[in-house]
Amino acid sequence: MNRLRSLLGFGAFGIIGGGLSIWYGFRHQMCTAAGDVQNQCGPNFLFLIPGIILVLIGIGLLLMAYRHDSSSRSSNADG
C-alpha cells in the first residue's frame, strides 16, 4: 500500500510540476532581435523540455501504479 501511494504521489507531482513548467515556458517567452525583421518570440526551452520530461515520467508512474493496483487486486481475488 505504501508503494502504491508513493507512485501515485510522485506521478501526480510529475504531472502537476511538469504542467506548471510547460505553462511557465510559454508564459515567459524568449525573444530574439533579427535585424530588419520584427522580434521573433518562442517558448522558453529551459522550462519547456524539463516540463515535458516531468509530465511523461508522471504519466509513467501513474500507469505503473495502476498496473500494480490491478495486479494486486487480481491476486487477492484468486487467493
N, C-alpha and C. Protein backbone atom coordinates (compact mmCIF):
# COMPACT_ATOMS: atom_id res chain seq x y z
N MET A 1 0.82 -1.20 0.00
CA MET A 1 0.00 0.00 0.00
C MET A 1 0.87 1.26 0.00
N ASN A 2 1.98 1.23 0.73
CA ASN A 2 2.87 2.39 0.75
C ASN A 2 3.46 2.66 -0.62
N ARG A 3 3.83 1.57 -1.32
CA ARG A 3 4.42 1.73 -2.64
C ARG A 3 3.41 2.34 -3.60
N LEU A 4 2.17 1.93 -3.51
CA LEU A 4 1.13 2.46 -4.38
C LEU A 4 0.93 3.95 -4.13
N ARG A 5 0.88 4.34 -2.88
CA ARG A 5 0.71 5.76 -2.55
C ARG A 5 1.90 6.59 -3.01
N SER A 6 3.10 6.03 -2.89
CA SER A 6 4.29 6.75 -3.35
C SER A 6 4.25 6.95 -4.85
N LEU A 7 3.88 5.89 -5.58
CA LEU A 7 3.79 6.01 -7.03
C LEU A 7 2.75 7.04 -7.44
N LEU A 8 1.60 7.02 -6.77
CA LEU A 8 0.55 7.99 -7.08
C LEU A 8 1.00 9.42 -6.76
N GLY A 9 1.66 9.59 -5.63
CA GLY A 9 2.13 10.92 -5.23
C GLY A 9 3.18 11.48 -6.17
N PHE A 10 4.18 10.66 -6.50
CA PHE A 10 5.22 11.13 -7.41
C PHE A 10 4.69 11.33 -8.82
N GLY A 11 3.75 10.49 -9.23
CA GLY A 11 3.14 10.66 -10.55
C GLY A 11 2.35 11.95 -10.64
N ALA A 12 1.55 12.24 -9.62
CA ALA A 12 0.78 13.48 -9.60
C ALA A 12 1.71 14.69 -9.54
N PHE A 13 2.77 14.58 -8.74
CA PHE A 13 3.74 15.68 -8.66
C PHE A 13 4.39 15.92 -10.01
N GLY A 14 4.73 14.85 -10.72
CA GLY A 14 5.36 15.00 -12.03
C GLY A 14 4.44 15.67 -13.02
N ILE A 15 3.17 15.27 -13.03
CA ILE A 15 2.23 15.86 -13.98
C ILE A 15 1.95 17.32 -13.63
N ILE A 16 1.73 17.61 -12.37
CA ILE A 16 1.43 19.00 -11.97
C ILE A 16 2.66 19.89 -12.14
N GLY A 17 3.81 19.41 -11.66
CA GLY A 17 5.04 20.20 -11.79
C GLY A 17 5.44 20.39 -13.24
N GLY A 18 5.32 19.34 -14.03
CA GLY A 18 5.64 19.46 -15.46
C GLY A 18 4.68 20.38 -16.18
N GLY A 19 3.40 20.30 -15.83
CA GLY A 19 2.42 21.19 -16.45
C GLY A 19 2.69 22.64 -16.12
N LEU A 20 3.06 22.90 -14.87
CA LEU A 20 3.39 24.28 -14.49
C LEU A 20 4.65 24.77 -15.21
N SER A 21 5.61 23.86 -15.37
CA SER A 21 6.84 24.23 -16.07
C SER A 21 6.56 24.52 -17.55
N ILE A 22 5.70 23.73 -18.17
CA ILE A 22 5.33 23.98 -19.57
C ILE A 22 4.59 25.31 -19.68
N TRP A 23 3.66 25.55 -18.77
CA TRP A 23 2.93 26.81 -18.77
C TRP A 23 3.89 27.99 -18.62
N TYR A 24 4.84 27.87 -17.71
CA TYR A 24 5.80 28.94 -17.47
C TYR A 24 6.67 29.17 -18.71
N GLY A 25 7.02 28.06 -19.40
CA GLY A 25 7.83 28.19 -20.61
C GLY A 25 7.11 28.96 -21.71
N PHE A 26 5.80 28.78 -21.82
CA PHE A 26 5.04 29.53 -22.82
C PHE A 26 4.70 30.94 -22.34
N ARG A 27 4.58 31.09 -21.05
CA ARG A 27 4.23 32.40 -20.48
C ARG A 27 5.39 33.39 -20.61
N HIS A 28 6.60 32.94 -20.32
CA HIS A 28 7.80 33.78 -20.38
C HIS A 28 8.63 33.37 -21.58
N GLN A 29 8.26 33.93 -22.73
CA GLN A 29 8.91 33.55 -23.97
C GLN A 29 10.28 34.19 -24.13
N MET A 30 11.10 33.56 -24.96
CA MET A 30 12.41 34.10 -25.29
C MET A 30 12.28 34.80 -26.64
N CYS A 31 12.74 36.02 -26.72
CA CYS A 31 12.64 36.79 -27.97
C CYS A 31 14.04 37.14 -28.45
N THR A 32 14.19 37.10 -29.76
CA THR A 32 15.47 37.48 -30.36
C THR A 32 15.24 38.61 -31.35
N ALA A 33 16.18 39.52 -31.41
CA ALA A 33 16.12 40.61 -32.38
C ALA A 33 16.83 40.15 -33.64
N ALA A 34 16.15 40.26 -34.79
CA ALA A 34 16.74 39.78 -36.03
C ALA A 34 16.78 40.90 -37.07
N GLY A 35 17.64 41.85 -36.88
CA GLY A 35 17.87 42.93 -37.85
C GLY A 35 16.62 43.68 -38.24
N ASP A 36 16.24 43.59 -39.52
CA ASP A 36 15.08 44.32 -40.05
C ASP A 36 13.76 43.67 -39.67
N VAL A 37 13.81 42.40 -39.36
CA VAL A 37 12.58 41.65 -39.07
C VAL A 37 12.14 41.95 -37.64
N GLN A 38 10.84 41.82 -37.40
CA GLN A 38 10.33 42.02 -36.04
C GLN A 38 10.93 40.98 -35.11
N ASN A 39 10.82 41.23 -33.82
CA ASN A 39 11.34 40.29 -32.84
C ASN A 39 10.66 38.93 -33.00
N GLN A 40 11.46 37.90 -33.01
CA GLN A 40 10.95 36.54 -33.10
C GLN A 40 10.87 35.97 -31.69
N CYS A 41 9.67 35.58 -31.27
CA CYS A 41 9.48 35.05 -29.93
C CYS A 41 9.04 33.59 -30.00
N GLY A 42 9.51 32.83 -29.06
CA GLY A 42 9.14 31.43 -28.97
C GLY A 42 9.17 30.98 -27.52
N PRO A 43 8.71 29.76 -27.26
CA PRO A 43 8.68 29.28 -25.88
C PRO A 43 10.09 29.16 -25.30
N ASN A 44 10.18 29.30 -24.01
CA ASN A 44 11.44 29.20 -23.29
C ASN A 44 11.77 27.72 -23.10
N PHE A 45 12.74 27.23 -23.85
CA PHE A 45 13.06 25.80 -23.84
C PHE A 45 13.69 25.35 -22.52
N LEU A 46 14.21 26.29 -21.74
CA LEU A 46 14.79 25.91 -20.45
C LEU A 46 13.73 25.39 -19.49
N PHE A 47 12.48 25.77 -19.70
CA PHE A 47 11.37 25.27 -18.88
C PHE A 47 10.52 24.26 -19.63
N LEU A 48 10.46 24.40 -20.95
CA LEU A 48 9.58 23.55 -21.75
C LEU A 48 10.06 22.10 -21.78
N ILE A 49 11.32 21.87 -22.06
CA ILE A 49 11.83 20.50 -22.19
C ILE A 49 11.78 19.74 -20.86
N PRO A 50 12.27 20.31 -19.75
CA PRO A 50 12.12 19.57 -18.47
C PRO A 50 10.66 19.35 -18.09
N GLY A 51 9.79 20.29 -18.45
CA GLY A 51 8.37 20.12 -18.15
C GLY A 51 7.78 18.94 -18.89
N ILE A 52 8.12 18.80 -20.17
CA ILE A 52 7.64 17.66 -20.95
C ILE A 52 8.16 16.36 -20.38
N ILE A 53 9.42 16.34 -19.99
CA ILE A 53 10.01 15.12 -19.40
C ILE A 53 9.32 14.78 -18.09
N LEU A 54 9.06 15.78 -17.25
CA LEU A 54 8.37 15.52 -15.98
C LEU A 54 6.96 14.98 -16.19
N VAL A 55 6.24 15.52 -17.16
CA VAL A 55 4.89 15.03 -17.44
C VAL A 55 4.95 13.58 -17.91
N LEU A 56 5.88 13.25 -18.78
CA LEU A 56 5.99 11.87 -19.26
C LEU A 56 6.35 10.91 -18.14
N ILE A 57 7.25 11.33 -17.25
CA ILE A 57 7.61 10.49 -16.10
C ILE A 57 6.41 10.32 -15.18
N GLY A 58 5.66 11.40 -14.95
CA GLY A 58 4.47 11.33 -14.11
C GLY A 58 3.42 10.39 -14.67
N ILE A 59 3.21 10.44 -15.99
CA ILE A 59 2.26 9.53 -16.62
C ILE A 59 2.73 8.09 -16.48
N GLY A 60 4.02 7.87 -16.66
CA GLY A 60 4.57 6.52 -16.50
C GLY A 60 4.40 5.99 -15.09
N LEU A 61 4.62 6.84 -14.09
CA LEU A 61 4.45 6.41 -12.70
C LEU A 61 3.00 6.11 -12.38
N LEU A 62 2.08 6.92 -12.91
CA LEU A 62 0.66 6.65 -12.68
C LEU A 62 0.23 5.35 -13.36
N LEU A 63 0.76 5.08 -14.55
CA LEU A 63 0.46 3.81 -15.21
C LEU A 63 1.03 2.63 -14.42
N MET A 64 2.22 2.80 -13.87
CA MET A 64 2.81 1.76 -13.04
C MET A 64 1.97 1.52 -11.80
N ALA A 65 1.47 2.58 -11.19
CA ALA A 65 0.62 2.43 -10.01
C ALA A 65 -0.68 1.72 -10.37
N TYR A 66 -1.24 2.04 -11.52
CA TYR A 66 -2.47 1.39 -11.96
C TYR A 66 -2.24 -0.10 -12.19
N ARG A 67 -1.14 -0.44 -12.84
CA ARG A 67 -0.83 -1.86 -13.09
C ARG A 67 -0.56 -2.59 -11.78
N HIS A 68 0.13 -1.95 -10.86
CA HIS A 68 0.42 -2.56 -9.56
C HIS A 68 -0.87 -2.81 -8.79
N ASP A 69 -1.77 -1.84 -8.83
CA ASP A 69 -3.04 -1.97 -8.11
C ASP A 69 -3.91 -3.05 -8.74
N SER A 70 -3.97 -3.08 -10.07
CA SER A 70 -4.82 -4.09 -10.72
C SER A 70 -4.26 -5.49 -10.54
N SER A 71 -2.94 -5.64 -10.52
CA SER A 71 -2.35 -6.97 -10.30
C SER A 71 -2.55 -7.43 -8.85
N SER A 72 -2.49 -6.50 -7.90
CA SER A 72 -2.70 -6.89 -6.51
C SER A 72 -4.17 -7.24 -6.26
N ARG A 73 -5.07 -6.59 -6.96
CA ARG A 73 -6.49 -6.94 -6.83
C ARG A 73 -6.78 -8.32 -7.40
N SER A 74 -6.17 -8.62 -8.56
CA SER A 74 -6.43 -9.92 -9.17
C SER A 74 -5.82 -11.05 -8.34
N SER A 75 -4.67 -10.82 -7.71
CA SER A 75 -4.06 -11.86 -6.89
C SER A 75 -4.85 -12.06 -5.60
N ASN A 76 -5.47 -11.01 -5.07
CA ASN A 76 -6.30 -11.14 -3.89
C ASN A 76 -7.61 -11.87 -4.21
N ALA A 77 -8.13 -11.68 -5.40
CA ALA A 77 -9.38 -12.33 -5.79
C ALA A 77 -9.16 -13.81 -6.05
N ASP A 78 -7.96 -14.18 -6.54
CA ASP A 78 -7.65 -15.58 -6.83
C ASP A 78 -7.43 -16.39 -5.55
N GLY A 79 -6.87 -15.76 -4.54
CA GLY A 79 -6.46 -16.47 -3.33
C GLY A 79 -7.51 -16.50 -2.32
